[in-house]
Amino acid sequence: MMNRTLLLALTVVLGGCVNATVDEMTFNEPTAGVGDASVVILGRRHAADYDTEFDFIECVGDHIRRGDKTIRVVDELEFINSLYPWFEPRTAPMRTQDINRLTDIPPVAKRFDDLDLEYMIWVDGKTIETNSAGSMTCGVGPGGAGCFGFGTWGNASDYEATIWNFTDRAEVGRVAASTSGQSYMPAVIVPIPIIAPVQDTACESLGEQLLKYLSANH
């Protein structure tokens, strides 16, 4: 099943315009929330040209925690460090079948048991600058310092979350969020940035879809 939602965040004070598209593909809708089990959200970092940002993963986790305080989201860095080196980029599982390989290692299996994992969510993607234009000059004169000019730049975020049911060793859903926006920097004496919250909007969009999937109140 795929649902597509097109969201438009209008320009507000000190904020640029952001367009967001969310795709949801759910294979196995849960009948209840996570309960006493836990969820870990991890960024994919095996690509040669980019890493999924740690702060983005933290943002998604915080969104889920705020939305449903009963969901226990394991901190990503804590999880990776406690299972070193099995979740480093070169050794992290790429398929659900790879979990069986890890549970054959006694210390790893014990750590999984201690965490009582129900879902492992992999997020793959990044935010990039797409364009820039304009110019600005600054200087110091008899009347003081100042800047004059106008600059603009675009950003785009593309992220996909793959949901693994850790107990069943199965992929049960995917959610993708794509956002883009234009930021501006007009300057007449003092530069005033008007920033489009592109990555924050992607975080909120992806986090909200995951929250709906995981929450007992969905």
N, C-alpha and C. Protein backbone atom coordinates (compact mmCIF):
# COMPACT_ATOMS: atom_id res chain seq x y z
N MET A 1 0.85 -1.18 0.00
CA MET A 1 0.00 0.00 0.00
C MET A 1 0.88 1.23 0.00
N MET A 2 0.59 2.21 -0.83
CA MET A 2 1.37 3.43 -0.87
C MET A 2 0.44 4.62 -0.75
N ASN A 3 0.79 5.51 0.15
CA ASN A 3 0.07 6.76 0.30
C ASN A 3 1.04 7.89 0.04
N ARG A 4 0.63 8.87 -0.73
CA ARG A 4 1.49 10.02 -1.01
C ARG A 4 0.79 11.27 -0.52
N THR A 5 1.51 12.04 0.28
CA THR A 5 0.98 13.28 0.82
C THR A 5 1.89 14.41 0.40
N LEU A 6 1.33 15.46 -0.16
CA LEU A 6 2.11 16.63 -0.55
C LEU A 6 1.81 17.74 0.43
N LEU A 7 2.86 18.21 1.09
CA LEU A 7 2.71 19.23 2.11
C LEU A 7 3.38 20.50 1.65
N LEU A 8 2.80 21.63 1.98
CA LEU A 8 3.40 22.92 1.65
C LEU A 8 3.48 23.74 2.91
N ALA A 9 4.70 24.07 3.32
CA ALA A 9 4.90 24.94 4.48
C ALA A 9 5.09 26.35 3.96
N LEU A 10 4.16 27.25 4.27
CA LEU A 10 4.20 28.60 3.75
C LEU A 10 5.28 29.41 4.43
N THR A 11 5.72 30.46 3.73
CA THR A 11 6.72 31.34 4.28
C THR A 11 6.21 32.01 5.54
N VAL A 12 7.04 31.98 6.59
CA VAL A 12 6.72 32.66 7.83
C VAL A 12 7.87 33.59 8.16
N VAL A 13 7.73 34.33 9.27
CA VAL A 13 8.77 35.28 9.62
C VAL A 13 10.08 34.54 9.83
N LEU A 14 11.11 35.01 9.17
CA LEU A 14 12.45 34.41 9.23
C LEU A 14 12.45 32.95 8.80
N GLY A 15 11.54 32.57 7.92
CA GLY A 15 11.54 31.20 7.42
C GLY A 15 11.23 31.18 5.94
N GLY A 16 11.99 30.40 5.17
CA GLY A 16 11.75 30.28 3.74
C GLY A 16 10.62 29.31 3.47
N CYS A 17 10.36 29.06 2.20
CA CYS A 17 9.27 28.18 1.79
C CYS A 17 9.81 26.77 1.57
N VAL A 18 9.08 25.76 2.08
CA VAL A 18 9.52 24.37 1.98
C VAL A 18 8.39 23.53 1.40
N ASN A 19 8.71 22.68 0.42
CA ASN A 19 7.78 21.69 -0.10
C ASN A 19 8.21 20.31 0.40
N ALA A 20 7.26 19.50 0.83
CA ALA A 20 7.57 18.18 1.36
C ALA A 20 6.66 17.13 0.75
N THR A 21 7.23 16.00 0.36
CA THR A 21 6.47 14.86 -0.16
C THR A 21 6.79 13.64 0.68
N VAL A 22 5.77 12.93 1.14
CA VAL A 22 5.95 11.75 1.97
C VAL A 22 5.35 10.54 1.26
N ASP A 23 6.13 9.49 1.12
CA ASP A 23 5.65 8.22 0.55
C ASP A 23 5.65 7.17 1.66
N GLU A 24 4.57 6.43 1.77
CA GLU A 24 4.47 5.38 2.78
C GLU A 24 4.14 4.05 2.10
N MET A 25 4.95 3.03 2.35
CA MET A 25 4.68 1.69 1.85
C MET A 25 4.68 0.75 3.05
N THR A 26 3.55 0.26 3.45
CA THR A 26 3.44 -0.60 4.62
C THR A 26 3.07 -2.02 4.19
N PHE A 27 3.87 -2.98 4.64
CA PHE A 27 3.64 -4.36 4.26
C PHE A 27 2.87 -5.12 5.33
N ASN A 28 3.07 -4.75 6.58
CA ASN A 28 2.46 -5.51 7.68
C ASN A 28 2.13 -4.54 8.80
N GLU A 29 0.91 -4.05 8.82
CA GLU A 29 0.51 -3.05 9.81
C GLU A 29 0.40 -3.69 11.19
N PRO A 30 1.09 -3.13 12.21
CA PRO A 30 1.00 -3.71 13.55
C PRO A 30 -0.39 -3.51 14.15
N THR A 31 -0.79 -4.44 15.00
CA THR A 31 -2.11 -4.36 15.63
C THR A 31 -2.03 -3.66 16.98
N ALA A 32 -0.82 -3.45 17.50
CA ALA A 32 -0.63 -2.78 18.79
C ALA A 32 0.69 -2.04 18.75
N GLY A 33 0.94 -1.26 19.79
CA GLY A 33 2.19 -0.51 19.85
C GLY A 33 3.37 -1.40 20.20
N VAL A 34 4.49 -0.75 20.50
CA VAL A 34 5.72 -1.47 20.80
C VAL A 34 5.65 -2.13 22.17
N GLY A 35 4.85 -1.57 23.07
CA GLY A 35 4.73 -2.13 24.42
C GLY A 35 5.99 -1.91 25.23
N ASP A 36 6.44 -2.94 25.92
CA ASP A 36 7.63 -2.82 26.77
C ASP A 36 8.93 -2.99 25.99
N ALA A 37 8.83 -3.34 24.72
CA ALA A 37 10.03 -3.54 23.90
C ALA A 37 10.60 -2.18 23.50
N SER A 38 11.71 -2.20 22.75
CA SER A 38 12.37 -0.95 22.36
C SER A 38 12.54 -0.87 20.85
N VAL A 39 12.88 0.33 20.40
CA VAL A 39 13.11 0.63 18.99
C VAL A 39 14.46 1.30 18.87
N VAL A 40 15.23 0.96 17.85
CA VAL A 40 16.47 1.68 17.58
C VAL A 40 16.40 2.22 16.16
N ILE A 41 16.81 3.47 15.99
CA ILE A 41 16.83 4.12 14.68
C ILE A 41 18.29 4.38 14.33
N LEU A 42 18.71 3.85 13.17
CA LEU A 42 20.12 3.90 12.77
C LEU A 42 20.26 4.54 11.39
N GLY A 43 21.32 5.30 11.20
CA GLY A 43 21.60 5.90 9.91
C GLY A 43 22.50 5.02 9.06
N ARG A 44 22.19 4.91 7.79
CA ARG A 44 23.04 4.17 6.86
C ARG A 44 24.25 5.04 6.50
N ARG A 45 25.45 4.47 6.59
CA ARG A 45 26.67 5.24 6.33
C ARG A 45 27.67 4.43 5.51
N HIS A 46 27.15 3.58 4.65
CA HIS A 46 28.03 2.74 3.85
C HIS A 46 28.31 3.33 2.47
N ALA A 47 27.58 4.39 2.08
CA ALA A 47 27.79 4.98 0.75
C ALA A 47 29.15 5.68 0.70
N ALA A 48 29.74 5.70 -0.48
CA ALA A 48 31.07 6.29 -0.63
C ALA A 48 31.04 7.82 -0.59
N ASP A 49 29.91 8.42 -0.97
CA ASP A 49 29.88 9.88 -1.13
C ASP A 49 29.10 10.62 -0.06
N TYR A 50 28.48 9.93 0.90
CA TYR A 50 27.77 10.64 1.96
C TYR A 50 27.48 9.71 3.13
N ASP A 51 27.21 10.32 4.29
CA ASP A 51 26.74 9.63 5.48
C ASP A 51 25.42 10.24 5.90
N THR A 52 24.48 9.43 6.33
CA THR A 52 23.26 9.96 6.91
C THR A 52 23.61 10.65 8.22
N GLU A 53 23.16 11.89 8.39
CA GLU A 53 23.61 12.72 9.50
C GLU A 53 23.12 12.18 10.85
N PHE A 54 24.03 12.19 11.85
CA PHE A 54 23.67 11.75 13.20
C PHE A 54 22.59 12.65 13.80
N ASP A 55 22.67 13.97 13.54
CA ASP A 55 21.69 14.87 14.14
C ASP A 55 20.30 14.66 13.54
N PHE A 56 20.22 14.20 12.28
CA PHE A 56 18.93 13.90 11.69
C PHE A 56 18.29 12.69 12.38
N ILE A 57 19.09 11.65 12.63
CA ILE A 57 18.58 10.46 13.32
C ILE A 57 18.10 10.83 14.72
N GLU A 58 18.85 11.69 15.39
CA GLU A 58 18.45 12.13 16.73
C GLU A 58 17.14 12.91 16.67
N CYS A 59 16.98 13.73 15.64
CA CYS A 59 15.75 14.51 15.47
C CYS A 59 14.54 13.59 15.29
N VAL A 60 14.67 12.57 14.45
CA VAL A 60 13.56 11.63 14.23
C VAL A 60 13.20 10.90 15.52
N GLY A 61 14.23 10.46 16.25
CA GLY A 61 13.98 9.78 17.52
C GLY A 61 13.28 10.68 18.53
N ASP A 62 13.70 11.94 18.59
CA ASP A 62 13.07 12.89 19.52
C ASP A 62 11.61 13.13 19.15
N HIS A 63 11.32 13.17 17.85
CA HIS A 63 9.93 13.36 17.41
C HIS A 63 9.06 12.21 17.89
N ILE A 64 9.56 11.00 17.78
CA ILE A 64 8.80 9.83 18.21
C ILE A 64 8.61 9.84 19.73
N ARG A 65 9.67 10.18 20.46
CA ARG A 65 9.57 10.23 21.93
C ARG A 65 8.54 11.25 22.38
N ARG A 66 8.54 12.43 21.74
CA ARG A 66 7.58 13.46 22.11
C ARG A 66 6.15 13.03 21.79
N GLY A 67 5.98 12.33 20.67
CA GLY A 67 4.64 11.94 20.23
C GLY A 67 4.03 10.82 21.04
N ASP A 68 4.87 9.92 21.56
CA ASP A 68 4.36 8.80 22.36
C ASP A 68 5.43 8.45 23.40
N LYS A 69 5.22 8.88 24.61
CA LYS A 69 6.23 8.70 25.66
C LYS A 69 6.36 7.25 26.10
N THR A 70 5.47 6.38 25.65
CA THR A 70 5.59 4.96 26.01
C THR A 70 6.58 4.22 25.11
N ILE A 71 6.96 4.83 24.00
CA ILE A 71 7.90 4.18 23.08
C ILE A 71 9.33 4.42 23.56
N ARG A 72 10.07 3.36 23.78
CA ARG A 72 11.45 3.47 24.23
C ARG A 72 12.36 3.44 23.00
N VAL A 73 12.94 4.59 22.66
CA VAL A 73 13.84 4.70 21.51
C VAL A 73 15.27 4.69 22.03
N VAL A 74 16.04 3.68 21.63
CA VAL A 74 17.44 3.55 22.06
C VAL A 74 18.28 4.59 21.34
N ASP A 75 19.15 5.28 22.08
CA ASP A 75 20.04 6.27 21.48
C ASP A 75 20.97 5.60 20.47
N GLU A 76 21.11 6.21 19.29
CA GLU A 76 21.89 5.58 18.22
C GLU A 76 23.35 5.38 18.61
N LEU A 77 24.02 6.42 19.08
CA LEU A 77 25.44 6.30 19.41
C LEU A 77 25.67 5.32 20.55
N GLU A 78 24.77 5.31 21.52
CA GLU A 78 24.87 4.35 22.61
C GLU A 78 24.77 2.92 22.07
N PHE A 79 23.84 2.70 21.16
CA PHE A 79 23.65 1.38 20.56
C PHE A 79 24.89 0.96 19.78
N ILE A 80 25.39 1.84 18.91
CA ILE A 80 26.55 1.51 18.08
C ILE A 80 27.77 1.23 18.94
N ASN A 81 28.00 2.06 19.95
CA ASN A 81 29.18 1.88 20.80
C ASN A 81 29.10 0.60 21.62
N SER A 82 27.90 0.26 22.08
CA SER A 82 27.77 -0.94 22.91
C SER A 82 27.88 -2.22 22.08
N LEU A 83 27.74 -2.11 20.76
CA LEU A 83 27.83 -3.28 19.90
C LEU A 83 29.01 -3.19 18.92
N TYR A 84 29.99 -2.36 19.27
CA TYR A 84 31.18 -2.22 18.42
C TYR A 84 31.89 -3.56 18.28
N PRO A 85 32.33 -3.92 17.05
CA PRO A 85 32.27 -3.16 15.79
C PRO A 85 31.15 -3.61 14.85
N TRP A 86 30.10 -4.26 15.36
CA TRP A 86 29.14 -4.94 14.50
C TRP A 86 28.18 -4.01 13.78
N PHE A 87 28.13 -2.74 14.20
CA PHE A 87 27.26 -1.81 13.50
C PHE A 87 28.03 -0.61 12.94
N GLU A 88 29.32 -0.83 12.70
CA GLU A 88 30.10 0.13 11.94
C GLU A 88 29.69 0.03 10.46
N PRO A 89 29.96 1.06 9.64
CA PRO A 89 29.50 1.04 8.24
C PRO A 89 29.88 -0.23 7.47
N ARG A 90 31.09 -0.74 7.69
CA ARG A 90 31.54 -1.89 6.89
C ARG A 90 30.97 -3.22 7.39
N THR A 91 30.44 -3.26 8.61
CA THR A 91 29.96 -4.52 9.17
C THR A 91 28.46 -4.53 9.46
N ALA A 92 27.80 -3.39 9.35
CA ALA A 92 26.38 -3.32 9.69
C ALA A 92 25.55 -4.21 8.78
N PRO A 93 24.50 -4.83 9.30
CA PRO A 93 23.67 -5.73 8.47
C PRO A 93 22.93 -4.95 7.39
N MET A 94 22.96 -5.48 6.18
CA MET A 94 22.28 -4.85 5.05
C MET A 94 20.93 -5.49 4.75
N ARG A 95 20.73 -6.72 5.24
CA ARG A 95 19.49 -7.45 5.01
C ARG A 95 18.99 -8.02 6.33
N THR A 96 17.70 -8.26 6.42
CA THR A 96 17.16 -8.82 7.66
C THR A 96 17.77 -10.18 7.97
N GLN A 97 18.15 -10.92 6.93
CA GLN A 97 18.75 -12.24 7.15
C GLN A 97 20.08 -12.15 7.89
N ASP A 98 20.73 -10.98 7.79
CA ASP A 98 22.04 -10.82 8.45
C ASP A 98 21.92 -10.77 9.96
N ILE A 99 20.72 -10.54 10.48
CA ILE A 99 20.54 -10.51 11.93
C ILE A 99 20.87 -11.87 12.53
N ASN A 100 20.52 -12.94 11.82
CA ASN A 100 20.81 -14.28 12.32
C ASN A 100 22.31 -14.48 12.51
N ARG A 101 23.08 -13.90 11.61
CA ARG A 101 24.55 -14.00 11.73
C ARG A 101 25.03 -13.33 13.01
N LEU A 102 24.41 -12.20 13.35
CA LEU A 102 24.83 -11.47 14.54
C LEU A 102 24.37 -12.17 15.82
N THR A 103 23.18 -12.76 15.81
CA THR A 103 22.69 -13.43 17.02
C THR A 103 23.44 -14.72 17.31
N ASP A 104 24.25 -15.19 16.36
CA ASP A 104 25.09 -16.35 16.61
C ASP A 104 26.32 -15.98 17.43
N ILE A 105 26.56 -14.68 17.63
CA ILE A 105 27.70 -14.22 18.43
C ILE A 105 27.18 -13.95 19.85
N PRO A 106 27.58 -14.72 20.84
CA PRO A 106 26.99 -14.64 22.18
C PRO A 106 26.94 -13.24 22.80
N PRO A 107 28.03 -12.44 22.78
CA PRO A 107 27.93 -11.10 23.40
C PRO A 107 26.92 -10.21 22.69
N VAL A 108 26.82 -10.35 21.36
CA VAL A 108 25.87 -9.55 20.60
C VAL A 108 24.44 -10.00 20.92
N ALA A 109 24.23 -11.31 20.95
CA ALA A 109 22.90 -11.83 21.27
C ALA A 109 22.44 -11.39 22.66
N LYS A 110 23.36 -11.36 23.62
CA LYS A 110 23.01 -10.93 24.97
C LYS A 110 22.61 -9.46 24.99
N ARG A 111 23.35 -8.64 24.24
CA ARG A 111 23.03 -7.22 24.20
C ARG A 111 21.64 -7.00 23.58
N PHE A 112 21.33 -7.73 22.54
CA PHE A 112 20.01 -7.64 21.93
C PHE A 112 18.92 -8.02 22.94
N ASP A 113 19.18 -9.08 23.69
CA ASP A 113 18.21 -9.52 24.70
C ASP A 113 18.01 -8.44 25.77
N ASP A 114 19.11 -7.82 26.19
CA ASP A 114 19.03 -6.78 27.22
C ASP A 114 18.20 -5.59 26.74
N LEU A 115 18.34 -5.26 25.46
CA LEU A 115 17.61 -4.12 24.90
C LEU A 115 16.15 -4.46 24.61
N ASP A 116 15.85 -5.74 24.44
CA ASP A 116 14.49 -6.19 24.10
C ASP A 116 13.97 -5.46 22.86
N LEU A 117 14.75 -5.55 21.78
CA LEU A 117 14.40 -4.84 20.55
C LEU A 117 13.19 -5.45 19.86
N GLU A 118 12.28 -4.59 19.44
CA GLU A 118 11.14 -5.02 18.64
C GLU A 118 11.29 -4.57 17.19
N TYR A 119 11.80 -3.32 17.01
CA TYR A 119 11.99 -2.79 15.66
C TYR A 119 13.38 -2.17 15.52
N MET A 120 13.99 -2.42 14.39
CA MET A 120 15.24 -1.76 13.99
C MET A 120 14.91 -0.98 12.72
N ILE A 121 15.10 0.33 12.77
CA ILE A 121 14.73 1.19 11.65
C ILE A 121 15.99 1.81 11.06
N TRP A 122 16.21 1.56 9.78
CA TRP A 122 17.37 2.10 9.07
C TRP A 122 16.94 3.31 8.25
N VAL A 123 17.64 4.42 8.42
CA VAL A 123 17.35 5.64 7.66
C VAL A 123 18.52 5.93 6.73
N ASP A 124 18.21 6.07 5.45
CA ASP A 124 19.23 6.32 4.44
C ASP A 124 18.91 7.62 3.72
N GLY A 125 19.88 8.52 3.62
CA GLY A 125 19.66 9.77 2.90
C GLY A 125 20.55 10.88 3.38
N LYS A 126 20.29 12.10 2.86
CA LYS A 126 21.13 13.25 3.21
C LYS A 126 20.42 14.53 2.79
N THR A 127 20.97 15.65 3.25
CA THR A 127 20.53 16.98 2.83
C THR A 127 21.67 17.65 2.08
N ILE A 128 21.37 18.22 0.93
CA ILE A 128 22.40 18.83 0.10
C ILE A 128 21.98 20.24 -0.31
N GLU A 129 22.97 21.07 -0.67
CA GLU A 129 22.69 22.38 -1.25
C GLU A 129 22.54 22.21 -2.75
N THR A 130 21.47 22.75 -3.31
CA THR A 130 21.16 22.51 -4.73
C THR A 130 21.56 23.67 -5.63
N ASN A 131 21.56 24.88 -5.11
CA ASN A 131 21.92 26.03 -5.95
C ASN A 131 22.21 27.23 -5.08
N SER A 132 22.91 28.20 -5.62
CA SER A 132 23.17 29.45 -4.91
C SER A 132 23.35 30.56 -5.94
N ALA A 133 22.97 31.78 -5.55
CA ALA A 133 23.09 32.92 -6.46
C ALA A 133 23.12 34.19 -5.63
N GLY A 134 23.55 35.27 -6.28
CA GLY A 134 23.58 36.55 -5.61
C GLY A 134 24.97 36.90 -5.10
N SER A 135 25.09 38.10 -4.56
CA SER A 135 26.37 38.55 -4.02
C SER A 135 26.13 39.54 -2.90
N MET A 136 27.16 39.73 -2.08
CA MET A 136 27.06 40.63 -0.95
C MET A 136 28.43 41.24 -0.68
N THR A 137 28.44 42.51 -0.38
CA THR A 137 29.69 43.19 -0.03
C THR A 137 29.54 43.83 1.34
N CYS A 138 30.59 43.77 2.10
CA CYS A 138 30.61 44.35 3.43
C CYS A 138 31.85 45.22 3.58
N GLY A 139 31.74 46.25 4.35
CA GLY A 139 32.88 47.12 4.54
C GLY A 139 32.71 48.03 5.73
N VAL A 140 33.76 48.81 6.02
CA VAL A 140 33.77 49.73 7.15
C VAL A 140 34.03 51.12 6.62
N GLY A 141 33.15 52.07 6.96
CA GLY A 141 33.30 53.44 6.52
C GLY A 141 33.19 54.40 7.67
N PRO A 142 33.17 55.69 7.38
CA PRO A 142 33.08 56.71 8.44
C PRO A 142 31.84 56.55 9.32
N GLY A 143 30.77 56.04 8.73
CA GLY A 143 29.54 55.86 9.50
C GLY A 143 29.45 54.54 10.22
N GLY A 144 30.43 53.68 10.05
CA GLY A 144 30.42 52.38 10.69
C GLY A 144 30.47 51.25 9.67
N ALA A 145 30.30 50.01 10.15
CA ALA A 145 30.36 48.83 9.30
C ALA A 145 28.97 48.49 8.77
N GLY A 146 28.94 47.84 7.59
CA GLY A 146 27.66 47.45 7.03
C GLY A 146 27.83 46.55 5.83
N CYS A 147 26.75 45.94 5.41
CA CYS A 147 26.73 45.04 4.26
C CYS A 147 25.59 45.44 3.34
N PHE A 148 25.77 45.12 2.06
CA PHE A 148 24.72 45.40 1.08
C PHE A 148 24.75 44.29 0.03
N GLY A 149 23.57 43.79 -0.29
CA GLY A 149 23.48 42.76 -1.33
C GLY A 149 22.33 41.82 -1.06
N PHE A 150 22.31 40.74 -1.83
CA PHE A 150 21.23 39.76 -1.72
C PHE A 150 21.76 38.40 -2.17
N GLY A 151 21.54 37.39 -1.36
CA GLY A 151 21.94 36.03 -1.72
C GLY A 151 20.81 35.05 -1.54
N THR A 152 20.83 34.00 -2.30
CA THR A 152 19.81 32.95 -2.18
C THR A 152 20.45 31.59 -2.45
N TRP A 153 19.94 30.58 -1.79
CA TRP A 153 20.44 29.22 -2.01
C TRP A 153 19.32 28.21 -1.73
N GLY A 154 19.43 27.09 -2.38
CA GLY A 154 18.43 26.05 -2.21
C GLY A 154 19.00 24.84 -1.49
N ASN A 155 18.14 24.10 -0.81
CA ASN A 155 18.52 22.84 -0.16
C ASN A 155 17.48 21.78 -0.47
N ALA A 156 17.91 20.54 -0.51
CA ALA A 156 17.00 19.42 -0.73
C ALA A 156 17.37 18.28 0.20
N SER A 157 16.36 17.67 0.79
CA SER A 157 16.55 16.52 1.68
C SER A 157 15.80 15.33 1.12
N ASP A 158 16.45 14.19 1.09
CA ASP A 158 15.82 12.94 0.65
C ASP A 158 16.21 11.84 1.63
N TYR A 159 15.23 11.26 2.30
CA TYR A 159 15.48 10.22 3.29
C TYR A 159 14.46 9.10 3.13
N GLU A 160 14.92 7.87 3.36
CA GLU A 160 14.03 6.71 3.35
C GLU A 160 14.29 5.89 4.60
N ALA A 161 13.22 5.54 5.30
CA ALA A 161 13.32 4.69 6.48
C ALA A 161 12.78 3.30 6.16
N THR A 162 13.58 2.29 6.47
CA THR A 162 13.19 0.89 6.28
C THR A 162 12.98 0.27 7.66
N ILE A 163 11.79 -0.27 7.88
CA ILE A 163 11.42 -0.79 9.20
C ILE A 163 11.61 -2.31 9.21
N TRP A 164 12.46 -2.77 10.12
CA TRP A 164 12.65 -4.21 10.31
C TRP A 164 11.97 -4.63 11.61
N ASN A 165 11.17 -5.69 11.53
CA ASN A 165 10.67 -6.34 12.74
C ASN A 165 11.77 -7.26 13.23
N PHE A 166 12.37 -6.89 14.35
CA PHE A 166 13.56 -7.61 14.81
C PHE A 166 13.22 -9.03 15.24
N THR A 167 12.05 -9.22 15.84
CA THR A 167 11.67 -10.55 16.31
C THR A 167 11.43 -11.50 15.14
N ASP A 168 10.74 -11.03 14.12
CA ASP A 168 10.39 -11.88 12.97
C ASP A 168 11.47 -11.90 11.89
N ARG A 169 12.51 -11.05 12.06
CA ARG A 169 13.59 -10.97 11.05
C ARG A 169 13.00 -10.65 9.67
N ALA A 170 12.10 -9.66 9.64
CA ALA A 170 11.42 -9.35 8.38
C ALA A 170 11.30 -7.84 8.21
N GLU A 171 11.36 -7.40 6.95
CA GLU A 171 11.10 -6.00 6.63
C GLU A 171 9.59 -5.81 6.55
N VAL A 172 9.06 -4.85 7.32
CA VAL A 172 7.61 -4.71 7.42
C VAL A 172 7.09 -3.39 6.88
N GLY A 173 7.97 -2.48 6.49
CA GLY A 173 7.47 -1.22 5.94
C GLY A 173 8.58 -0.27 5.55
N ARG A 174 8.21 0.72 4.74
CA ARG A 174 9.14 1.77 4.32
C ARG A 174 8.41 3.10 4.28
N VAL A 175 9.14 4.15 4.63
CA VAL A 175 8.62 5.51 4.56
C VAL A 175 9.71 6.38 3.95
N ALA A 176 9.34 7.25 3.02
CA ALA A 176 10.31 8.15 2.40
C ALA A 176 9.80 9.58 2.51
N ALA A 177 10.70 10.51 2.77
CA ALA A 177 10.36 11.93 2.84
C ALA A 177 11.34 12.71 1.98
N SER A 178 10.81 13.56 1.12
CA SER A 178 11.62 14.43 0.27
C SER A 178 11.16 15.86 0.47
N THR A 179 12.10 16.75 0.78
CA THR A 179 11.76 18.15 0.97
C THR A 179 12.74 19.02 0.20
N SER A 180 12.29 20.20 -0.18
CA SER A 180 13.16 21.16 -0.86
C SER A 180 12.70 22.55 -0.48
N GLY A 181 13.62 23.50 -0.53
CA GLY A 181 13.26 24.86 -0.16
C GLY A 181 14.33 25.85 -0.56
N GLN A 182 13.97 27.11 -0.54
CA GLN A 182 14.87 28.19 -0.92
C GLN A 182 15.05 29.14 0.26
N SER A 183 16.30 29.44 0.57
CA SER A 183 16.62 30.38 1.65
C SER A 183 17.15 31.67 1.04
N TYR A 184 17.04 32.76 1.82
CA TYR A 184 17.42 34.08 1.31
C TYR A 184 18.24 34.84 2.35
N MET A 185 19.09 35.74 1.85
CA MET A 185 19.89 36.57 2.74
C MET A 185 19.94 37.99 2.19
N PRO A 186 18.91 38.80 2.45
CA PRO A 186 18.98 40.21 2.06
C PRO A 186 19.83 40.98 3.07
N ALA A 187 20.52 42.00 2.61
CA ALA A 187 21.36 42.79 3.51
C ALA A 187 21.33 44.26 3.12
N VAL A 188 20.83 45.07 4.01
CA VAL A 188 20.97 46.52 3.92
C VAL A 188 21.52 46.95 5.28
N ILE A 189 22.80 47.06 5.35
CA ILE A 189 23.59 47.30 6.56
C ILE A 189 23.75 46.00 7.35
N VAL A 190 22.65 45.35 7.73
CA VAL A 190 22.71 44.11 8.52
C VAL A 190 22.12 42.96 7.72
N PRO A 191 22.88 41.86 7.50
CA PRO A 191 22.32 40.70 6.81
C PRO A 191 21.21 40.06 7.64
N ILE A 192 20.10 39.70 6.99
CA ILE A 192 18.97 39.07 7.67
C ILE A 192 18.68 37.73 6.99
N PRO A 193 19.12 36.62 7.59
CA PRO A 193 18.87 35.31 6.95
C PRO A 193 17.41 34.89 7.08
N ILE A 194 16.86 34.44 5.98
CA ILE A 194 15.50 33.87 5.96
C ILE A 194 15.67 32.42 5.54
N ILE A 195 15.75 31.54 6.52
CA ILE A 195 16.17 30.16 6.30
C ILE A 195 14.97 29.24 6.10
N ALA A 196 15.00 28.44 5.05
CA ALA A 196 13.98 27.42 4.83
C ALA A 196 14.36 26.17 5.63
N PRO A 197 13.53 25.73 6.57
CA PRO A 197 13.85 24.58 7.42
C PRO A 197 13.68 23.25 6.70
N VAL A 198 14.51 23.02 5.70
CA VAL A 198 14.34 21.86 4.82
C VAL A 198 14.56 20.56 5.59
N GLN A 199 15.70 20.44 6.28
CA GLN A 199 15.98 19.19 6.99
C GLN A 199 15.02 18.98 8.16
N ASP A 200 14.68 20.07 8.87
CA ASP A 200 13.74 19.94 9.99
C ASP A 200 12.37 19.45 9.51
N THR A 201 11.94 19.94 8.34
CA THR A 201 10.65 19.50 7.80
C THR A 201 10.71 18.02 7.41
N ALA A 202 11.83 17.59 6.83
CA ALA A 202 12.00 16.17 6.50
C ALA A 202 11.95 15.31 7.75
N CYS A 203 12.60 15.79 8.81
CA CYS A 203 12.59 15.07 10.09
C CYS A 203 11.17 14.93 10.62
N GLU A 204 10.42 16.03 10.63
CA GLU A 204 9.05 16.00 11.14
C GLU A 204 8.16 15.08 10.30
N SER A 205 8.34 15.13 8.98
CA SER A 205 7.52 14.31 8.08
C SER A 205 7.81 12.83 8.27
N LEU A 206 9.10 12.47 8.29
CA LEU A 206 9.48 11.07 8.46
C LEU A 206 9.13 10.59 9.86
N GLY A 207 9.43 11.41 10.87
CA GLY A 207 9.14 11.03 12.25
C GLY A 207 7.67 10.81 12.50
N GLU A 208 6.82 11.64 11.89
CA GLU A 208 5.38 11.50 12.10
C GLU A 208 4.85 10.20 11.50
N GLN A 209 5.35 9.83 10.33
CA GLN A 209 4.92 8.57 9.71
C GLN A 209 5.37 7.37 10.54
N LEU A 210 6.59 7.41 11.05
CA LEU A 210 7.08 6.31 11.89
C LEU A 210 6.31 6.26 13.20
N LEU A 211 5.98 7.42 13.75
CA LEU A 211 5.20 7.46 14.98
C LEU A 211 3.84 6.80 14.78
N LYS A 212 3.19 7.08 13.67
CA LYS A 212 1.89 6.47 13.39
C LYS A 212 2.01 4.95 13.32
N TYR A 213 3.11 4.47 12.79
CA TYR A 213 3.31 3.02 12.67
C TYR A 213 3.55 2.37 14.02
N LEU A 214 4.38 3.04 14.87
CA LEU A 214 4.83 2.43 16.11
C LEU A 214 3.90 2.64 17.28
N SER A 215 3.10 3.70 17.26
CA SER A 215 2.33 4.08 18.44
C SER A 215 1.12 3.17 18.65
N ALA A 216 0.84 2.92 19.91
CA ALA A 216 -0.35 2.13 20.25
C ALA A 216 -1.62 2.92 19.99
N ASN A 217 -1.47 4.24 19.80
CA ASN A 217 -2.64 5.10 19.61
C ASN A 217 -2.88 5.43 18.15
N HIS A 218 -2.17 4.76 17.20
CA HIS A 218 -2.29 5.11 15.79
C HIS A 218 -3.63 4.70 15.21
